[in-house]
Amino acid sequence: MLLVMVNLALADAIGPDPEGCPNGSIGTSSHAGEWCEPTVCFVDDAECRTGDCVEGIGLCITREEVGCGGMRRDSGEPCTFTKEEAHGTCSEQSDCSQGSCEIASRCGSKVAAVCGCSGLGAGSAALGLALLALAGLTRRGRR
């Protein structure tokens, strides 16, 4: 009997947020699973809990109606919501093997937006900016 109770408790656990999400998205976890959720901002860095508000970040996005992990509304109806998931960065629809390419201002890394990299957090972005500045100084010194 104890074994059954342990399994039920583990089934209800929410895992950690996924890492390595595409630039312009954040890792999200709930009873509905783990995914990279697209962000949207309106050119104000204060709106972003990580990174800066960067214009023109394209993401390959899918949307699906999913359950809230067995929860019910006050009416007794099952709880559902629209899960938006970012699968990669894009500049046009042909870049997406999954979802639609949607370009918007998003919370992310300015460096990753320039280089087309993904999975860079705020700390990585600062390191990237420092490396770009160093590369610029090195080029200037060679002239």
C-alpha atoms as a PDB file:
ATOM      1  CA  MET A   1       0.000   0.000   0.000  1.00  0.00           C
ATOM      2  CA  LEU A   2       2.837   2.385   0.788  1.00  0.00           C
ATOM      3  CA  LEU A   3       4.363   1.825  -2.653  1.00  0.00           C
ATOM      4  CA  VAL A   4       1.157   2.985  -4.348  1.00  0.00           C
ATOM      5  CA  MET A   5       1.101   6.190  -2.302  1.00  0.00           C
ATOM      6  CA  VAL A   6       4.717   6.995  -3.206  1.00  0.00           C
ATOM      7  CA  ASN A   7       3.974   6.530  -6.922  1.00  0.00           C
ATOM      8  CA  LEU A   8       0.974   8.853  -6.695  1.00  0.00           C
ATOM      9  CA  ALA A   9       3.062  11.520  -4.989  1.00  0.00           C
ATOM     10  CA  LEU A  10       5.759  11.304  -7.662  1.00  0.00           C
ATOM     11  CA  ALA A  11       3.206  11.524 -10.464  1.00  0.00           C
ATOM     12  CA  ASP A  12       1.982  14.850  -9.078  1.00  0.00           C
ATOM     13  CA  ALA A  13       5.446  16.458  -8.916  1.00  0.00           C
ATOM     14  CA  ILE A  14       6.342  19.379 -11.172  1.00  0.00           C
ATOM     15  CA  GLY A  15       9.794  19.048 -12.705  1.00  0.00           C
ATOM     16  CA  PRO A  16      12.382  21.796 -13.062  1.00  0.00           C
ATOM     17  CA  ASP A  17      12.124  24.332 -15.877  1.00  0.00           C
ATOM     18  CA  PRO A  18      13.926  23.143 -19.012  1.00  0.00           C
ATOM     19  CA  GLU A  19      17.272  24.737 -19.855  1.00  0.00           C
ATOM     20  CA  GLY A  20      18.666  25.664 -23.255  1.00  0.00           C
ATOM     21  CA  CYS A  21      15.491  27.279 -24.575  1.00  0.00           C
ATOM     22  CA  PRO A  22      15.693  29.287 -27.795  1.00  0.00           C
ATOM     23  CA  ASN A  23      16.541  32.990 -27.462  1.00  0.00           C
ATOM     24  CA  GLY A  24      13.311  34.872 -26.792  1.00  0.00           C
ATOM     25  CA  SER A  25      11.703  32.098 -24.731  1.00  0.00           C
ATOM     26  CA  ILE A  26      11.863  30.923 -21.121  1.00  0.00           C
ATOM     27  CA  GLY A  27      11.691  27.484 -19.547  1.00  0.00           C
ATOM     28  CA  THR A  28       8.301  26.779 -17.967  1.00  0.00           C
ATOM     29  CA  SER A  29       7.054  23.838 -15.898  1.00  0.00           C
ATOM     30  CA  SER A  30       3.590  22.930 -14.665  1.00  0.00           C
ATOM     31  CA  HIS A  31       1.382  19.884 -14.192  1.00  0.00           C
ATOM     32  CA  ALA A  32       1.021  20.001 -17.998  1.00  0.00           C
ATOM     33  CA  GLY A  33       4.756  19.288 -18.463  1.00  0.00           C
ATOM     34  CA  GLU A  34       7.896  21.248 -19.301  1.00  0.00           C
ATOM     35  CA  TRP A  35       8.367  23.489 -22.345  1.00  0.00           C
ATOM     36  CA  CYS A  36      10.030  26.644 -23.677  1.00  0.00           C
ATOM     37  CA  GLU A  37       7.439  29.415 -23.587  1.00  0.00           C
ATOM     38  CA  PRO A  38       7.761  32.368 -26.010  1.00  0.00           C
ATOM     39  CA  THR A  39       8.040  35.793 -24.387  1.00  0.00           C
ATOM     40  CA  VAL A  40       6.694  39.106 -25.659  1.00  0.00           C
ATOM     41  CA  CYS A  41       7.733  42.559 -24.478  1.00  0.00           C
ATOM     42  CA  PHE A  42       7.069  46.120 -25.549  1.00  0.00           C
ATOM     43  CA  VAL A  43      10.590  47.595 -25.834  1.00  0.00           C
ATOM     44  CA  ASP A  44      11.035  47.921 -22.064  1.00  0.00           C
ATOM     45  CA  ASP A  45      13.738  45.837 -20.359  1.00  0.00           C
ATOM     46  CA  ALA A  46      11.832  46.082 -17.045  1.00  0.00           C
ATOM     47  CA  GLU A  47       9.205  43.729 -18.529  1.00  0.00           C
ATOM     48  CA  CYS A  48      11.769  40.934 -18.770  1.00  0.00           C
ATOM     49  CA  ARG A  49      12.716  38.838 -15.752  1.00  0.00           C
ATOM     50  CA  THR A  50      15.844  37.718 -17.622  1.00  0.00           C
ATOM     51  CA  GLY A  51      17.608  39.385 -20.520  1.00  0.00           C
ATOM     52  CA  ASP A  52      16.624  42.529 -22.402  1.00  0.00           C
ATOM     53  CA  CYS A  53      13.643  43.416 -24.558  1.00  0.00           C
ATOM     54  CA  VAL A  54      15.030  42.778 -28.060  1.00  0.00           C
ATOM     55  CA  GLU A  55      13.152  43.720 -31.221  1.00  0.00           C
ATOM     56  CA  GLY A  56      12.753  41.262 -34.077  1.00  0.00           C
ATOM     57  CA  ILE A  57      13.379  37.838 -32.518  1.00  0.00           C
ATOM     58  CA  GLY A  58      11.710  35.103 -34.560  1.00  0.00           C
ATOM     59  CA  LEU A  59      10.558  31.868 -32.935  1.00  0.00           C
ATOM     60  CA  CYS A  60       9.016  28.694 -34.367  1.00  0.00           C
ATOM     61  CA  ILE A  61       5.871  28.455 -32.216  1.00  0.00           C
ATOM     62  CA  THR A  62       3.187  25.781 -31.816  1.00  0.00           C
ATOM     63  CA  ARG A  63      -0.059  26.155 -29.864  1.00  0.00           C
ATOM     64  CA  GLU A  64      -2.193  23.386 -28.398  1.00  0.00           C
ATOM     65  CA  GLU A  65      -5.003  23.143 -25.872  1.00  0.00           C
ATOM     66  CA  VAL A  66      -3.806  21.054 -22.906  1.00  0.00           C
ATOM     67  CA  GLY A  67      -5.167  20.015 -19.527  1.00  0.00           C
ATOM     68  CA  CYS A  68      -4.059  21.688 -16.318  1.00  0.00           C
ATOM     69  CA  GLY A  69      -2.929  18.410 -14.797  1.00  0.00           C
ATOM     70  CA  GLY A  70      -6.261  17.090 -13.565  1.00  0.00           C
ATOM     71  CA  MET A  71      -7.450  20.330 -11.955  1.00  0.00           C
ATOM     72  CA  ARG A  72     -11.068  21.432 -12.431  1.00  0.00           C
ATOM     73  CA  ARG A  73     -12.743  24.818 -12.684  1.00  0.00           C
ATOM     74  CA  ASP A  74     -15.352  25.923 -10.119  1.00  0.00           C
ATOM     75  CA  SER A  75     -18.027  24.738 -12.571  1.00  0.00           C
ATOM     76  CA  GLY A  76     -16.600  21.205 -12.410  1.00  0.00           C
ATOM     77  CA  GLU A  77     -15.343  21.369 -16.017  1.00  0.00           C
ATOM     78  CA  PRO A  78     -11.761  20.208 -16.630  1.00  0.00           C
ATOM     79  CA  CYS A  79      -9.228  23.029 -16.621  1.00  0.00           C
ATOM     80  CA  THR A  80      -7.445  23.636 -19.951  1.00  0.00           C
ATOM     81  CA  PHE A  81      -5.189  26.323 -21.370  1.00  0.00           C
ATOM     82  CA  THR A  82      -3.423  27.106 -24.632  1.00  0.00           C
ATOM     83  CA  LYS A  83       0.216  26.035 -24.350  1.00  0.00           C
ATOM     84  CA  GLU A  84       2.534  28.064 -26.601  1.00  0.00           C
ATOM     85  CA  GLU A  85       5.857  26.336 -27.199  1.00  0.00           C
ATOM     86  CA  ALA A  86       8.984  27.720 -28.876  1.00  0.00           C
ATOM     87  CA  HIS A  87      10.920  25.072 -30.830  1.00  0.00           C
ATOM     88  CA  GLY A  88      13.726  27.193 -32.292  1.00  0.00           C
ATOM     89  CA  THR A  89      14.654  30.571 -33.707  1.00  0.00           C
ATOM     90  CA  CYS A  90      13.753  31.664 -37.227  1.00  0.00           C
ATOM     91  CA  SER A  91      13.852  34.556 -39.642  1.00  0.00           C
ATOM     92  CA  GLU A  92      11.279  33.093 -42.053  1.00  0.00           C
ATOM     93  CA  GLN A  93       8.773  30.234 -42.167  1.00  0.00           C
ATOM     94  CA  SER A  94      11.131  27.879 -44.044  1.00  0.00           C
ATOM     95  CA  ASP A  95      13.413  27.900 -40.955  1.00  0.00           C
ATOM     96  CA  CYS A  96      10.721  26.070 -38.933  1.00  0.00           C
ATOM     97  CA  SER A  97      10.347  22.300 -39.099  1.00  0.00           C
ATOM     98  CA  GLN A  98       7.697  22.634 -36.397  1.00  0.00           C
ATOM     99  CA  GLY A  99       5.243  25.513 -35.841  1.00  0.00           C
ATOM    100  CA  SER A 100       4.946  28.970 -37.371  1.00  0.00           C
ATOM    101  CA  CYS A 101       7.691  31.589 -37.537  1.00  0.00           C
ATOM    102  CA  GLU A 102       6.517  34.556 -35.463  1.00  0.00           C
ATOM    103  CA  ILE A 103       8.734  37.626 -35.173  1.00  0.00           C
ATOM    104  CA  ALA A 104       8.205  40.016 -32.245  1.00  0.00           C
ATOM    105  CA  SER A 105       9.970  41.969 -29.514  1.00  0.00           C
ATOM    106  CA  ARG A 106      10.954  39.337 -26.964  1.00  0.00           C
ATOM    107  CA  CYS A 107      12.876  39.006 -23.716  1.00  0.00           C
ATOM    108  CA  GLY A 108      16.246  37.566 -24.637  1.00  0.00           C
ATOM    109  CA  SER A 109      19.879  38.131 -25.415  1.00  0.00           C
ATOM    110  CA  LYS A 110      20.923  40.920 -27.774  1.00  0.00           C
ATOM    111  CA  VAL A 111      24.099  38.961 -28.561  1.00  0.00           C
ATOM    112  CA  ALA A 112      22.157  35.793 -29.388  1.00  0.00           C
ATOM    113  CA  ALA A 113      19.822  37.815 -31.613  1.00  0.00           C
ATOM    114  CA  VAL A 114      22.821  39.091 -33.605  1.00  0.00           C
ATOM    115  CA  CYS A 115      24.679  35.780 -33.818  1.00  0.00           C
ATOM    116  CA  GLY A 116      21.568  33.594 -34.277  1.00  0.00           C
ATOM    117  CA  CYS A 117      22.550  31.528 -31.224  1.00  0.00           C
ATOM    118  CA  SER A 118      20.043  30.097 -28.768  1.00  0.00           C
ATOM    119  CA  GLY A 119      20.041  28.974 -25.177  1.00  0.00           C
ATOM    120  CA  LEU A 120      21.958  32.013 -23.932  1.00  0.00           C
ATOM    121  CA  GLY A 121      20.893  33.392 -20.576  1.00  0.00           C
ATOM    122  CA  ALA A 122      21.546  36.852 -19.177  1.00  0.00           C
ATOM    123  CA  GLY A 123      24.980  35.805 -17.821  1.00  0.00           C
ATOM    124  CA  SER A 124      25.992  34.319 -21.164  1.00  0.00           C
ATOM    125  CA  ALA A 125      24.776  37.468 -22.895  1.00  0.00           C
ATOM    126  CA  ALA A 126      27.043  39.638 -20.715  1.00  0.00           C
ATOM    127  CA  LEU A 127      29.988  37.367 -21.507  1.00  0.00           C
ATOM    128  CA  GLY A 128      29.129  37.519 -25.203  1.00  0.00           C
ATOM    129  CA  LEU A 129      29.001  41.329 -25.185  1.00  0.00           C
ATOM    130  CA  ALA A 130      32.371  41.429 -23.429  1.00  0.00           C
ATOM    131  CA  LEU A 131      33.863  39.103 -26.064  1.00  0.00           C
ATOM    132  CA  LEU A 132      32.419  41.222 -28.901  1.00  0.00           C
ATOM    133  CA  ALA A 133      33.914  44.357 -27.322  1.00  0.00           C
ATOM    134  CA  LEU A 134      37.286  42.628 -26.942  1.00  0.00           C
ATOM    135  CA  ALA A 135      37.175  41.495 -30.582  1.00  0.00           C
ATOM    136  CA  GLY A 136      36.461  45.089 -31.640  1.00  0.00           C
ATOM    137  CA  LEU A 137      39.417  46.394 -29.638  1.00  0.00           C
ATOM    138  CA  THR A 138      41.688  43.714 -31.104  1.00  0.00           C
ATOM    139  CA  ARG A 139      40.650  44.647 -34.648  1.00  0.00           C
ATOM    140  CA  ARG A 140      41.261  48.332 -33.940  1.00  0.00           C
ATOM    141  CA  GLY A 141      44.744  47.567 -32.573  1.00  0.00           C
ATOM    142  CA  ARG A 142      45.743  45.697 -35.767  1.00  0.00           C
ATOM    143  CA  ARG A 143      45.029  48.647 -38.077  1.00  0.00           C
END
